[in-house]
Amino acid sequence: MPKLPPMTKHRGFPSGLPGTGFQFTVRRANPKGATKIFQRPRMHDRTATEKLADTAFLHAIWHQFGAEPFERGNLDAGRISWLFGRELVPAENPFDPQSYEALLRIDESVARKTHPAAFQEVLEV
């Protein structure tokens, strides 16, 4: 097995949305390097479950890191990309979207408008 790049594992972070295939974390680093983060367009026809996955992921980030910058680490690039450029923004300049060590932060004003339930103490899923 090829040598894996270093990747912070966020202990205690939920692995995904229960009862769905939506994952929030990856188990191990990709030997070819981290998957690139990019801003995915959100279409009006997304399902309620897809929207709930975004809210639950943001809820987990808020309760794990708060308003502080955090390292991407083992957080899923696909799930980050649904929020990137809006609720999640780079916390460093220059920002490397293909690094496990990239720093992100929640844009709290945007996130509170688009996903207010993510900031509740308990999120019912």
N, C-alpha and C. Protein backbone atom coordinates (compact mmCIF):
# COMPACT_ATOMS: atom_id res chain seq x y z
N MET A 1 0.85 -1.19 0.00
CA MET A 1 0.00 0.00 0.00
C MET A 1 0.89 1.24 0.00
N PRO A 2 0.58 2.21 -0.87
CA PRO A 2 1.40 3.42 -0.93
C PRO A 2 1.29 4.23 0.36
N LYS A 3 2.33 5.01 0.59
CA LYS A 3 2.35 5.87 1.78
C LYS A 3 1.25 6.93 1.65
N LEU A 4 0.45 7.08 2.70
CA LEU A 4 -0.66 8.05 2.70
C LEU A 4 -0.17 9.39 3.21
N PRO A 5 -0.67 10.49 2.62
CA PRO A 5 -0.30 11.81 3.13
C PRO A 5 -0.89 12.02 4.53
N PRO A 6 -0.26 12.88 5.33
CA PRO A 6 -0.80 13.15 6.66
C PRO A 6 -2.17 13.81 6.57
N MET A 7 -3.07 13.40 7.48
CA MET A 7 -4.42 13.94 7.48
C MET A 7 -4.93 13.92 8.92
N THR A 8 -5.36 15.07 9.41
CA THR A 8 -5.93 15.16 10.74
C THR A 8 -7.28 14.46 10.76
N LYS A 9 -7.48 13.61 11.75
CA LYS A 9 -8.80 12.98 11.93
C LYS A 9 -9.50 13.71 13.07
N HIS A 10 -10.66 14.24 12.78
CA HIS A 10 -11.43 14.99 13.77
C HIS A 10 -12.23 14.00 14.61
N ARG A 11 -11.68 13.67 15.75
CA ARG A 11 -12.31 12.70 16.66
C ARG A 11 -13.63 13.25 17.17
N GLY A 12 -14.63 12.39 17.24
CA GLY A 12 -15.94 12.78 17.75
C GLY A 12 -16.84 13.41 16.71
N PHE A 13 -16.33 13.63 15.51
CA PHE A 13 -17.14 14.22 14.44
C PHE A 13 -17.99 13.12 13.82
N PRO A 14 -19.28 13.37 13.58
CA PRO A 14 -20.14 12.32 13.01
C PRO A 14 -19.65 11.91 11.62
N SER A 15 -19.77 10.64 11.31
CA SER A 15 -19.28 10.13 10.03
C SER A 15 -20.24 10.44 8.88
N GLY A 16 -21.50 10.70 9.19
CA GLY A 16 -22.45 11.00 8.13
C GLY A 16 -23.85 11.20 8.68
N LEU A 17 -24.80 11.35 7.78
CA LEU A 17 -26.20 11.52 8.16
C LEU A 17 -26.82 10.14 8.31
N PRO A 18 -27.27 9.78 9.50
CA PRO A 18 -27.82 8.43 9.72
C PRO A 18 -28.96 8.09 8.76
N GLY A 19 -28.94 6.87 8.27
CA GLY A 19 -30.02 6.39 7.41
C GLY A 19 -29.92 6.83 5.97
N THR A 20 -28.82 7.50 5.62
CA THR A 20 -28.62 7.95 4.24
C THR A 20 -27.21 7.56 3.80
N GLY A 21 -26.88 7.82 2.57
CA GLY A 21 -25.53 7.58 2.08
C GLY A 21 -24.65 8.82 2.14
N PHE A 22 -25.13 9.88 2.79
CA PHE A 22 -24.37 11.12 2.86
C PHE A 22 -23.30 11.02 3.94
N GLN A 23 -22.04 11.11 3.53
CA GLN A 23 -20.95 11.02 4.49
C GLN A 23 -20.38 12.39 4.80
N PHE A 24 -19.86 12.52 6.01
CA PHE A 24 -19.26 13.77 6.47
C PHE A 24 -17.75 13.65 6.58
N THR A 25 -17.24 12.43 6.76
CA THR A 25 -15.80 12.23 6.91
C THR A 25 -15.33 11.10 5.99
N VAL A 26 -14.02 11.06 5.79
CA VAL A 26 -13.39 9.95 5.06
C VAL A 26 -12.51 9.19 6.05
N ARG A 27 -12.36 7.90 5.80
CA ARG A 27 -11.61 7.06 6.74
C ARG A 27 -10.11 7.26 6.67
N ARG A 28 -9.61 7.38 5.43
CA ARG A 28 -8.16 7.51 5.27
C ARG A 28 -7.85 8.48 4.14
N ALA A 29 -6.63 8.98 4.19
CA ALA A 29 -6.18 9.93 3.17
C ALA A 29 -6.07 9.22 1.82
N ASN A 30 -6.27 9.97 0.76
CA ASN A 30 -6.12 9.47 -0.60
C ASN A 30 -4.63 9.47 -0.93
N PRO A 31 -4.06 8.33 -1.36
CA PRO A 31 -2.62 8.32 -1.68
C PRO A 31 -2.25 9.27 -2.81
N LYS A 32 -3.21 9.64 -3.66
CA LYS A 32 -2.95 10.58 -4.76
C LYS A 32 -3.09 12.03 -4.32
N GLY A 33 -3.47 12.27 -3.07
CA GLY A 33 -3.65 13.62 -2.56
C GLY A 33 -5.12 13.91 -2.28
N ALA A 34 -5.35 15.00 -1.60
CA ALA A 34 -6.70 15.39 -1.19
C ALA A 34 -7.54 15.77 -2.41
N THR A 35 -8.81 15.41 -2.36
CA THR A 35 -9.76 15.81 -3.40
C THR A 35 -9.95 17.32 -3.33
N LYS A 36 -10.01 17.95 -4.47
CA LYS A 36 -10.13 19.40 -4.54
C LYS A 36 -11.50 19.87 -4.04
N ILE A 37 -11.49 20.94 -3.27
CA ILE A 37 -12.72 21.59 -2.81
C ILE A 37 -13.08 22.68 -3.83
N PHE A 38 -14.34 22.76 -4.21
CA PHE A 38 -14.80 23.81 -5.12
C PHE A 38 -16.25 24.13 -4.77
N GLN A 39 -16.71 25.27 -5.22
CA GLN A 39 -18.08 25.69 -4.93
C GLN A 39 -19.04 24.99 -5.89
N ARG A 40 -19.88 24.11 -5.35
CA ARG A 40 -20.88 23.41 -6.16
C ARG A 40 -22.15 24.25 -6.23
N PRO A 41 -22.73 24.36 -7.41
CA PRO A 41 -23.99 25.11 -7.51
C PRO A 41 -25.12 24.32 -6.87
N ARG A 42 -25.97 25.01 -6.12
CA ARG A 42 -27.12 24.35 -5.49
C ARG A 42 -28.35 24.64 -6.32
N MET A 43 -28.91 23.60 -6.89
CA MET A 43 -30.09 23.74 -7.74
C MET A 43 -31.35 23.74 -6.88
N HIS A 44 -32.41 24.29 -7.41
CA HIS A 44 -33.68 24.40 -6.68
C HIS A 44 -34.34 23.04 -6.48
N ASP A 45 -33.94 22.02 -7.24
CA ASP A 45 -34.59 20.71 -7.15
C ASP A 45 -33.90 19.74 -6.18
N ARG A 46 -33.02 20.23 -5.32
CA ARG A 46 -32.38 19.35 -4.34
C ARG A 46 -33.44 18.81 -3.38
N THR A 47 -33.26 17.56 -2.96
CA THR A 47 -34.24 16.93 -2.08
C THR A 47 -34.12 17.47 -0.66
N ALA A 48 -35.16 17.23 0.12
CA ALA A 48 -35.14 17.64 1.53
C ALA A 48 -34.02 16.94 2.28
N THR A 49 -33.72 15.70 1.91
CA THR A 49 -32.65 14.94 2.58
C THR A 49 -31.29 15.56 2.26
N GLU A 50 -31.09 16.00 1.03
CA GLU A 50 -29.83 16.65 0.67
C GLU A 50 -29.65 17.95 1.45
N LYS A 51 -30.72 18.70 1.58
CA LYS A 51 -30.66 19.95 2.35
C LYS A 51 -30.42 19.67 3.83
N LEU A 52 -31.04 18.61 4.35
CA LEU A 52 -30.82 18.22 5.74
C LEU A 52 -29.37 17.81 5.97
N ALA A 53 -28.77 17.13 5.00
CA ALA A 53 -27.36 16.74 5.11
C ALA A 53 -26.47 17.97 5.23
N ASP A 54 -26.74 19.01 4.44
CA ASP A 54 -25.98 20.26 4.54
C ASP A 54 -26.13 20.88 5.93
N THR A 55 -27.36 20.92 6.42
CA THR A 55 -27.63 21.51 7.73
C THR A 55 -26.95 20.70 8.84
N ALA A 56 -27.06 19.38 8.77
CA ALA A 56 -26.46 18.52 9.79
C ALA A 56 -24.93 18.63 9.78
N PHE A 57 -24.35 18.71 8.59
CA PHE A 57 -22.89 18.87 8.48
C PHE A 57 -22.46 20.20 9.08
N LEU A 58 -23.16 21.26 8.75
CA LEU A 58 -22.85 22.58 9.30
C LEU A 58 -23.05 22.59 10.82
N HIS A 59 -24.09 21.92 11.29
CA HIS A 59 -24.35 21.80 12.73
C HIS A 59 -23.16 21.12 13.42
N ALA A 60 -22.67 20.04 12.85
CA ALA A 60 -21.54 19.32 13.44
C ALA A 60 -20.29 20.19 13.45
N ILE A 61 -20.05 20.94 12.37
CA ILE A 61 -18.88 21.82 12.31
C ILE A 61 -19.00 22.91 13.38
N TRP A 62 -20.18 23.52 13.49
CA TRP A 62 -20.38 24.59 14.47
C TRP A 62 -20.14 24.08 15.89
N HIS A 63 -20.66 22.91 16.20
CA HIS A 63 -20.52 22.39 17.56
C HIS A 63 -19.15 21.80 17.84
N GLN A 64 -18.38 21.50 16.80
CA GLN A 64 -17.01 21.01 16.99
C GLN A 64 -16.01 22.17 17.05
N PHE A 65 -16.18 23.18 16.18
CA PHE A 65 -15.17 24.23 16.03
C PHE A 65 -15.66 25.63 16.36
N GLY A 66 -16.97 25.86 16.34
CA GLY A 66 -17.50 27.20 16.58
C GLY A 66 -17.08 28.15 15.47
N ALA A 67 -16.80 29.39 15.83
CA ALA A 67 -16.44 30.41 14.86
C ALA A 67 -14.95 30.39 14.51
N GLU A 68 -14.19 29.51 15.15
CA GLU A 68 -12.74 29.44 14.94
C GLU A 68 -12.40 28.74 13.63
N PRO A 69 -11.28 29.10 13.00
CA PRO A 69 -10.82 28.37 11.82
C PRO A 69 -10.53 26.91 12.19
N PHE A 70 -10.72 26.03 11.22
CA PHE A 70 -10.47 24.62 11.45
C PHE A 70 -9.80 24.01 10.24
N GLU A 71 -9.04 22.96 10.48
CA GLU A 71 -8.34 22.25 9.42
C GLU A 71 -9.30 21.31 8.71
N ARG A 72 -9.19 21.25 7.40
CA ARG A 72 -10.05 20.35 6.62
C ARG A 72 -9.91 18.90 7.09
N GLY A 73 -8.70 18.41 7.22
CA GLY A 73 -8.47 17.06 7.71
C GLY A 73 -9.29 16.01 6.99
N ASN A 74 -9.99 15.18 7.77
CA ASN A 74 -10.76 14.07 7.18
C ASN A 74 -12.20 14.44 6.84
N LEU A 75 -12.52 15.72 6.81
CA LEU A 75 -13.87 16.12 6.41
C LEU A 75 -14.04 15.90 4.91
N ASP A 76 -15.18 15.40 4.50
CA ASP A 76 -15.45 15.01 3.12
C ASP A 76 -15.46 16.22 2.19
N ALA A 77 -14.66 16.17 1.13
CA ALA A 77 -14.55 17.28 0.18
C ALA A 77 -15.87 17.53 -0.54
N GLY A 78 -16.60 16.48 -0.86
CA GLY A 78 -17.88 16.64 -1.55
C GLY A 78 -18.88 17.40 -0.69
N ARG A 79 -18.95 17.05 0.58
CA ARG A 79 -19.89 17.72 1.49
C ARG A 79 -19.44 19.15 1.73
N ILE A 80 -18.14 19.39 1.87
CA ILE A 80 -17.63 20.76 2.03
C ILE A 80 -18.00 21.59 0.80
N SER A 81 -17.86 20.99 -0.38
CA SER A 81 -18.09 21.72 -1.63
C SER A 81 -19.52 22.24 -1.77
N TRP A 82 -20.49 21.55 -1.16
CA TRP A 82 -21.88 22.05 -1.21
C TRP A 82 -22.03 23.36 -0.44
N LEU A 83 -21.15 23.60 0.54
CA LEU A 83 -21.23 24.81 1.37
C LEU A 83 -20.13 25.82 1.06
N PHE A 84 -19.11 25.39 0.32
CA PHE A 84 -17.92 26.21 0.09
C PHE A 84 -18.25 27.47 -0.70
N GLY A 85 -17.64 28.58 -0.29
CA GLY A 85 -17.84 29.86 -0.96
C GLY A 85 -19.07 30.59 -0.47
N ARG A 86 -19.85 29.95 0.37
CA ARG A 86 -21.04 30.57 0.96
C ARG A 86 -20.93 30.43 2.48
N GLU A 87 -21.37 29.29 3.02
CA GLU A 87 -21.35 29.09 4.48
C GLU A 87 -19.94 28.75 5.00
N LEU A 88 -19.15 28.07 4.18
CA LEU A 88 -17.76 27.75 4.54
C LEU A 88 -16.83 28.51 3.60
N VAL A 89 -15.89 29.23 4.17
CA VAL A 89 -14.97 30.05 3.38
C VAL A 89 -13.53 29.77 3.82
N PRO A 90 -12.57 30.08 2.95
CA PRO A 90 -11.17 29.91 3.34
C PRO A 90 -10.83 30.78 4.54
N ALA A 91 -9.97 30.24 5.41
CA ALA A 91 -9.54 31.00 6.58
C ALA A 91 -8.07 31.38 6.46
N GLU A 92 -7.52 31.22 5.26
CA GLU A 92 -6.13 31.57 5.03
C GLU A 92 -5.96 32.05 3.59
N ASN A 93 -4.90 32.81 3.39
CA ASN A 93 -4.59 33.30 2.05
C ASN A 93 -3.08 33.18 1.85
N PRO A 94 -2.60 32.40 0.92
CA PRO A 94 -3.35 31.68 -0.11
C PRO A 94 -4.02 30.43 0.47
N PHE A 95 -5.09 30.02 -0.19
CA PHE A 95 -5.86 28.84 0.20
C PHE A 95 -5.57 27.73 -0.81
N ASP A 96 -5.22 26.55 -0.32
CA ASP A 96 -4.97 25.41 -1.19
C ASP A 96 -6.17 24.47 -1.11
N PRO A 97 -7.02 24.43 -2.13
CA PRO A 97 -8.23 23.59 -2.08
C PRO A 97 -7.94 22.09 -2.19
N GLN A 98 -6.67 21.71 -2.40
CA GLN A 98 -6.31 20.30 -2.48
C GLN A 98 -5.37 19.89 -1.36
N SER A 99 -5.52 20.50 -0.20
CA SER A 99 -4.68 20.18 0.95
C SER A 99 -5.54 19.73 2.12
N TYR A 100 -5.11 18.66 2.78
CA TYR A 100 -5.78 18.21 4.00
C TYR A 100 -5.54 19.21 5.13
N GLU A 101 -4.51 20.05 4.99
CA GLU A 101 -4.17 21.02 6.03
C GLU A 101 -4.81 22.38 5.80
N ALA A 102 -5.59 22.54 4.73
CA ALA A 102 -6.25 23.81 4.43
C ALA A 102 -7.15 24.24 5.59
N LEU A 103 -7.13 25.53 5.88
CA LEU A 103 -7.95 26.07 6.96
C LEU A 103 -9.23 26.69 6.39
N LEU A 104 -10.34 26.34 7.02
CA LEU A 104 -11.66 26.86 6.67
C LEU A 104 -12.28 27.51 7.89
N ARG A 105 -13.34 28.26 7.67
CA ARG A 105 -14.11 28.81 8.78
C ARG A 105 -15.55 28.97 8.31
N ILE A 106 -16.45 29.05 9.26
CA ILE A 106 -17.86 29.30 8.95
C ILE A 106 -18.06 30.80 8.78
N ASP A 107 -18.72 31.19 7.69
CA ASP A 107 -19.17 32.58 7.55
C ASP A 107 -20.50 32.62 8.28
N GLU A 108 -20.43 32.98 9.55
CA GLU A 108 -21.57 32.84 10.44
C GLU A 108 -22.80 33.64 9.98
N SER A 109 -22.61 34.82 9.46
CA SER A 109 -23.77 35.62 9.05
C SER A 109 -24.51 34.95 7.89
N VAL A 110 -23.78 34.41 6.93
CA VAL A 110 -24.41 33.71 5.81
C VAL A 110 -25.04 32.41 6.29
N ALA A 111 -24.31 31.65 7.08
CA ALA A 111 -24.79 30.34 7.54
C ALA A 111 -26.04 30.46 8.40
N ARG A 112 -26.12 31.48 9.23
CA ARG A 112 -27.31 31.65 10.07
C ARG A 112 -28.55 31.98 9.24
N LYS A 113 -28.36 32.63 8.10
CA LYS A 113 -29.49 32.95 7.22
C LYS A 113 -29.95 31.72 6.43
N THR A 114 -28.99 30.95 5.92
CA THR A 114 -29.34 29.83 5.04
C THR A 114 -29.64 28.54 5.80
N HIS A 115 -29.03 28.34 6.96
CA HIS A 115 -29.22 27.11 7.75
C HIS A 115 -29.38 27.44 9.23
N PRO A 116 -30.45 28.15 9.61
CA PRO A 116 -30.59 28.56 11.01
C PRO A 116 -30.65 27.37 11.98
N ALA A 117 -31.18 26.24 11.56
CA ALA A 117 -31.29 25.07 12.44
C ALA A 117 -29.92 24.52 12.82
N ALA A 118 -28.89 24.80 12.03
CA ALA A 118 -27.55 24.31 12.32
C ALA A 118 -26.98 24.90 13.60
N PHE A 119 -27.52 26.00 14.04
CA PHE A 119 -26.99 26.67 15.23
C PHE A 119 -27.80 26.35 16.49
N GLN A 120 -28.81 25.52 16.37
CA GLN A 120 -29.56 25.08 17.54
C GLN A 120 -28.70 24.12 18.36
N GLU A 121 -29.00 24.01 19.63
CA GLU A 121 -28.23 23.10 20.48
C GLU A 121 -28.38 21.65 20.02
N VAL A 122 -29.60 21.26 19.66
CA VAL A 122 -29.87 19.90 19.20
C VAL A 122 -30.56 19.99 17.84
N LEU A 123 -30.10 19.18 16.90
CA LEU A 123 -30.71 19.13 15.58
C LEU A 123 -31.42 17.79 15.44
N GLU A 124 -32.72 17.85 15.24
CA GLU A 124 -33.51 16.63 15.05
C GLU A 124 -33.37 16.18 13.61
N VAL A 125 -32.91 14.93 13.42
CA VAL A 125 -32.77 14.39 12.06
C VAL A 125 -33.70 13.22 11.84
